[in-house]
N, C-alpha and C. Protein backbone atom coordinates (compact mmCIF):
# COMPACT_ATOMS: atom_id res chain seq x y z
N UNK A 1 0.84 -1.19 0.00
CA UNK A 1 0.00 0.00 0.00
C UNK A 1 0.88 1.24 0.00
N UNK A 2 0.56 2.18 -0.86
CA UNK A 2 1.32 3.42 -0.96
C UNK A 2 0.66 4.48 -0.11
N UNK A 3 1.43 5.09 0.76
CA UNK A 3 0.91 6.17 1.60
C UNK A 3 1.34 7.49 1.00
N UNK A 4 0.42 8.37 0.83
CA UNK A 4 0.73 9.69 0.30
C UNK A 4 0.53 10.71 1.40
N UNK A 5 1.40 11.67 1.43
CA UNK A 5 1.25 12.75 2.41
C UNK A 5 0.32 13.80 1.84
N UNK A 6 -0.65 14.20 2.64
CA UNK A 6 -1.60 15.22 2.23
C UNK A 6 -1.07 16.56 2.74
N UNK A 7 -0.95 17.56 1.86
CA UNK A 7 -0.45 18.86 2.29
C UNK A 7 -1.32 19.48 3.39
N UNK A 8 -0.68 20.26 4.23
CA UNK A 8 -1.38 20.90 5.34
C UNK A 8 -2.47 21.84 4.85
N UNK A 9 -2.24 22.49 3.72
CA UNK A 9 -3.25 23.41 3.18
C UNK A 9 -4.51 22.64 2.81
N UNK A 10 -4.35 21.46 2.23
CA UNK A 10 -5.51 20.65 1.85
C UNK A 10 -6.29 20.21 3.09
N UNK A 11 -5.57 19.77 4.11
CA UNK A 11 -6.24 19.37 5.35
C UNK A 11 -6.97 20.54 5.99
N UNK A 12 -6.36 21.71 5.95
CA UNK A 12 -6.98 22.91 6.52
C UNK A 12 -8.25 23.26 5.76
N UNK A 13 -8.20 23.21 4.44
CA UNK A 13 -9.38 23.54 3.64
C UNK A 13 -10.51 22.53 3.87
N UNK A 14 -10.16 21.27 4.02
CA UNK A 14 -11.18 20.26 4.31
C UNK A 14 -11.81 20.52 5.67
N UNK A 15 -10.98 20.83 6.66
CA UNK A 15 -11.50 21.11 8.01
C UNK A 15 -12.40 22.34 8.01
N UNK A 16 -11.99 23.40 7.31
CA UNK A 16 -12.80 24.62 7.24
C UNK A 16 -14.13 24.32 6.54
N UNK A 17 -14.08 23.53 5.48
CA UNK A 17 -15.30 23.17 4.77
C UNK A 17 -16.26 22.36 5.63
N UNK A 18 -15.72 21.43 6.40
CA UNK A 18 -16.57 20.63 7.28
C UNK A 18 -17.18 21.48 8.39
N UNK A 19 -16.40 22.38 8.95
CA UNK A 19 -16.93 23.26 10.00
C UNK A 19 -18.01 24.18 9.43
N UNK A 20 -17.75 24.76 8.26
CA UNK A 20 -18.73 25.65 7.64
C UNK A 20 -20.01 24.88 7.28
N UNK A 21 -19.86 23.67 6.77
CA UNK A 21 -21.03 22.86 6.45
C UNK A 21 -21.83 22.50 7.70
N UNK A 22 -21.13 22.16 8.77
CA UNK A 22 -21.82 21.85 10.02
C UNK A 22 -22.54 23.06 10.59
N UNK A 23 -21.90 24.22 10.48
CA UNK A 23 -22.54 25.46 10.94
C UNK A 23 -23.79 25.77 10.12
N UNK A 24 -23.71 25.55 8.82
CA UNK A 24 -24.87 25.80 7.96
C UNK A 24 -26.01 24.86 8.31
N UNK A 25 -25.71 23.56 8.48
CA UNK A 25 -26.75 22.61 8.84
C UNK A 25 -27.38 22.94 10.19
N UNK A 26 -26.55 23.37 11.14
CA UNK A 26 -27.07 23.78 12.45
C UNK A 26 -28.08 24.92 12.29
N UNK A 27 -27.71 25.91 11.48
CA UNK A 27 -28.59 27.07 11.29
C UNK A 27 -29.89 26.66 10.60
N UNK A 28 -29.79 25.83 9.57
CA UNK A 28 -31.00 25.42 8.84
C UNK A 28 -31.91 24.59 9.74
N UNK A 29 -31.34 23.63 10.47
CA UNK A 29 -32.17 22.81 11.35
C UNK A 29 -32.79 23.64 12.47
N UNK A 30 -32.04 24.60 12.98
CA UNK A 30 -32.59 25.47 14.04
C UNK A 30 -33.75 26.30 13.49
N UNK A 31 -33.61 26.78 12.25
CA UNK A 31 -34.71 27.54 11.64
C UNK A 31 -35.93 26.66 11.41
N UNK A 32 -35.72 25.41 11.06
CA UNK A 32 -36.85 24.51 10.79
C UNK A 32 -37.50 23.98 12.06
N UNK A 33 -36.68 23.65 13.05
CA UNK A 33 -37.22 22.99 14.24
C UNK A 33 -37.73 23.96 15.31
N UNK A 34 -37.04 25.05 15.52
CA UNK A 34 -37.46 26.03 16.54
C UNK A 34 -37.43 27.44 15.93
N UNK A 35 -38.35 27.74 15.04
CA UNK A 35 -38.31 29.04 14.36
C UNK A 35 -38.54 30.22 15.31
N UNK A 36 -39.22 29.99 16.41
CA UNK A 36 -39.47 31.08 17.35
C UNK A 36 -38.23 31.51 18.12
N UNK A 37 -37.29 30.59 18.31
CA UNK A 37 -36.08 30.91 19.08
C UNK A 37 -34.89 31.26 18.19
N UNK A 38 -34.97 30.99 16.92
CA UNK A 38 -33.85 31.31 16.04
C UNK A 38 -33.88 32.78 15.67
N UNK A 39 -32.70 33.31 15.43
CA UNK A 39 -32.61 34.75 15.20
C UNK A 39 -32.00 35.09 13.85
N UNK A 40 -31.49 36.30 13.80
CA UNK A 40 -30.93 36.83 12.55
C UNK A 40 -29.64 36.11 12.17
N UNK A 41 -28.88 35.66 13.15
CA UNK A 41 -27.61 34.98 12.85
C UNK A 41 -27.87 33.68 12.10
N UNK A 42 -28.83 32.90 12.58
CA UNK A 42 -29.15 31.65 11.90
C UNK A 42 -29.70 31.91 10.50
N UNK A 43 -30.51 32.94 10.36
CA UNK A 43 -31.04 33.29 9.04
C UNK A 43 -29.95 33.72 8.08
N UNK A 44 -29.01 34.51 8.59
CA UNK A 44 -27.91 34.98 7.74
C UNK A 44 -27.01 33.82 7.31
N UNK A 45 -26.73 32.91 8.23
CA UNK A 45 -25.89 31.76 7.90
C UNK A 45 -26.58 30.87 6.88
N UNK A 46 -27.88 30.61 7.08
CA UNK A 46 -28.62 29.76 6.14
C UNK A 46 -28.72 30.42 4.76
N UNK A 47 -29.00 31.71 4.73
CA UNK A 47 -29.11 32.40 3.45
C UNK A 47 -27.75 32.49 2.75
N UNK A 48 -26.70 32.72 3.52
CA UNK A 48 -25.36 32.79 2.93
C UNK A 48 -24.94 31.46 2.35
N UNK A 49 -25.20 30.37 3.05
CA UNK A 49 -24.88 29.05 2.51
C UNK A 49 -25.67 28.72 1.28
N UNK A 50 -26.93 29.12 1.25
CA UNK A 50 -27.75 28.88 0.07
C UNK A 50 -27.22 29.71 -1.10
N UNK A 51 -26.81 30.94 -0.83
CA UNK A 51 -26.25 31.78 -1.89
C UNK A 51 -24.96 31.20 -2.44
N UNK A 52 -24.13 30.64 -1.57
CA UNK A 52 -22.89 30.02 -2.05
C UNK A 52 -23.17 28.79 -2.89
N UNK A 53 -24.27 28.11 -2.63
CA UNK A 53 -24.58 26.93 -3.43
C UNK A 53 -24.92 27.30 -4.87
N UNK A 54 -25.33 28.52 -5.11
CA UNK A 54 -25.63 28.96 -6.47
C UNK A 54 -24.39 29.41 -7.23
N UNK A 55 -23.31 29.68 -6.52
CA UNK A 55 -22.12 30.23 -7.14
C UNK A 55 -21.54 29.37 -8.26
N UNK A 56 -21.37 28.06 -8.10
CA UNK A 56 -20.78 27.29 -9.19
C UNK A 56 -21.59 27.30 -10.47
N UNK A 57 -22.88 27.53 -10.39
CA UNK A 57 -23.71 27.57 -11.59
C UNK A 57 -23.37 28.81 -12.42
N UNK A 58 -23.13 29.92 -11.76
CA UNK A 58 -22.89 31.17 -12.47
C UNK A 58 -21.42 31.42 -12.74
N UNK A 59 -20.54 30.74 -12.06
CA UNK A 59 -19.11 30.94 -12.26
C UNK A 59 -18.53 29.65 -12.81
N UNK A 60 -19.03 29.24 -13.95
CA UNK A 60 -18.56 28.01 -14.57
C UNK A 60 -17.42 28.33 -15.53
N UNK A 61 -16.54 27.37 -15.71
CA UNK A 61 -15.42 27.55 -16.63
C UNK A 61 -15.94 27.59 -18.06
N UNK A 62 -15.29 28.40 -18.85
CA UNK A 62 -15.68 28.53 -20.24
C UNK A 62 -15.15 27.33 -21.03
N UNK A 63 -15.88 26.92 -22.04
CA UNK A 63 -15.44 25.80 -22.86
C UNK A 63 -14.46 26.24 -23.94
N UNK A 64 -14.40 27.52 -24.22
CA UNK A 64 -13.47 27.98 -25.25
C UNK A 64 -12.12 28.30 -24.62
N UNK A 65 -11.05 28.23 -25.41
CA UNK A 65 -9.72 28.48 -24.86
C UNK A 65 -9.57 29.95 -24.44
N UNK A 66 -8.68 30.22 -23.49
CA UNK A 66 -8.51 31.61 -23.05
C UNK A 66 -7.97 32.48 -24.17
N UNK A 67 -8.29 33.77 -24.12
CA UNK A 67 -7.83 34.71 -25.14
C UNK A 67 -6.32 34.89 -25.03
N UNK A 68 -5.68 35.03 -26.15
CA UNK A 68 -4.23 35.24 -26.15
C UNK A 68 -3.94 36.68 -25.81
N UNK A 69 -2.93 36.87 -25.02
CA UNK A 69 -2.53 38.23 -24.67
C UNK A 69 -1.72 38.84 -25.80
N UNK A 70 -1.92 40.10 -26.03
CA UNK A 70 -1.16 40.79 -27.07
C UNK A 70 -0.19 41.76 -26.42
N UNK A 71 0.83 42.09 -27.16
CA UNK A 71 1.82 43.04 -26.64
C UNK A 71 1.38 44.46 -26.98
N UNK A 72 1.59 45.34 -26.03
CA UNK A 72 1.24 46.74 -26.26
C UNK A 72 2.25 47.35 -27.23
N UNK A 73 1.80 48.28 -28.05
CA UNK A 73 2.70 48.96 -28.96
C UNK A 73 2.31 50.41 -29.06
N UNK A 74 3.31 51.23 -29.33
CA UNK A 74 3.06 52.66 -29.49
C UNK A 74 2.88 52.98 -30.95
N UNK A 75 1.89 53.76 -31.20
CA UNK A 75 1.63 54.15 -32.57
C UNK A 75 2.54 55.32 -32.91
N UNK A 76 3.27 55.21 -34.01
CA UNK A 76 4.15 56.29 -34.45
C UNK A 76 3.36 57.30 -35.28
N UNK A 77 3.71 58.56 -35.12
CA UNK A 77 3.06 59.58 -35.95
C UNK A 77 3.55 59.45 -37.37
N UNK A 78 2.68 59.75 -38.29
CA UNK A 78 3.07 59.62 -39.69
C UNK A 78 4.16 60.64 -40.02
N UNK A 79 5.20 60.17 -40.66
CA UNK A 79 6.29 61.05 -41.08
C UNK A 79 7.25 61.42 -39.96
N UNK A 80 7.08 60.86 -38.78
CA UNK A 80 7.93 61.24 -37.67
C UNK A 80 9.28 60.56 -37.75
N UNK A 81 9.32 59.37 -38.33
CA UNK A 81 10.58 58.66 -38.41
C UNK A 81 11.00 58.16 -37.05
N UNK A 82 12.25 57.77 -36.95
CA UNK A 82 12.72 57.28 -35.66
C UNK A 82 13.25 58.44 -34.84
N UNK A 83 13.36 58.23 -33.55
CA UNK A 83 13.84 59.27 -32.64
C UNK A 83 15.34 59.43 -32.72
N UNK A 84 15.87 60.39 -31.95
CA UNK A 84 17.32 60.62 -31.98
C UNK A 84 18.06 59.41 -31.41
N UNK A 85 19.24 59.14 -31.99
CA UNK A 85 20.02 57.99 -31.55
C UNK A 85 21.04 58.40 -30.53
């Protein structure tokens, strides 16, 4: 069996994602189960998580290749010739 080391950044992102997901579920369940006791914080967390779920739909990668960058150039005046050497 081959063991691979997982970078610390990856583990941190996974942990943050799990905590954020747990917080969102807590807020949604609190809003559903005890709506009289839940407040603005739970509503904001639930709405924010729902808004983030829509993000991948609107920020999808394009199927066409990226545009090529061009080099900037200065336009010479007609009849100006080259500058002093």
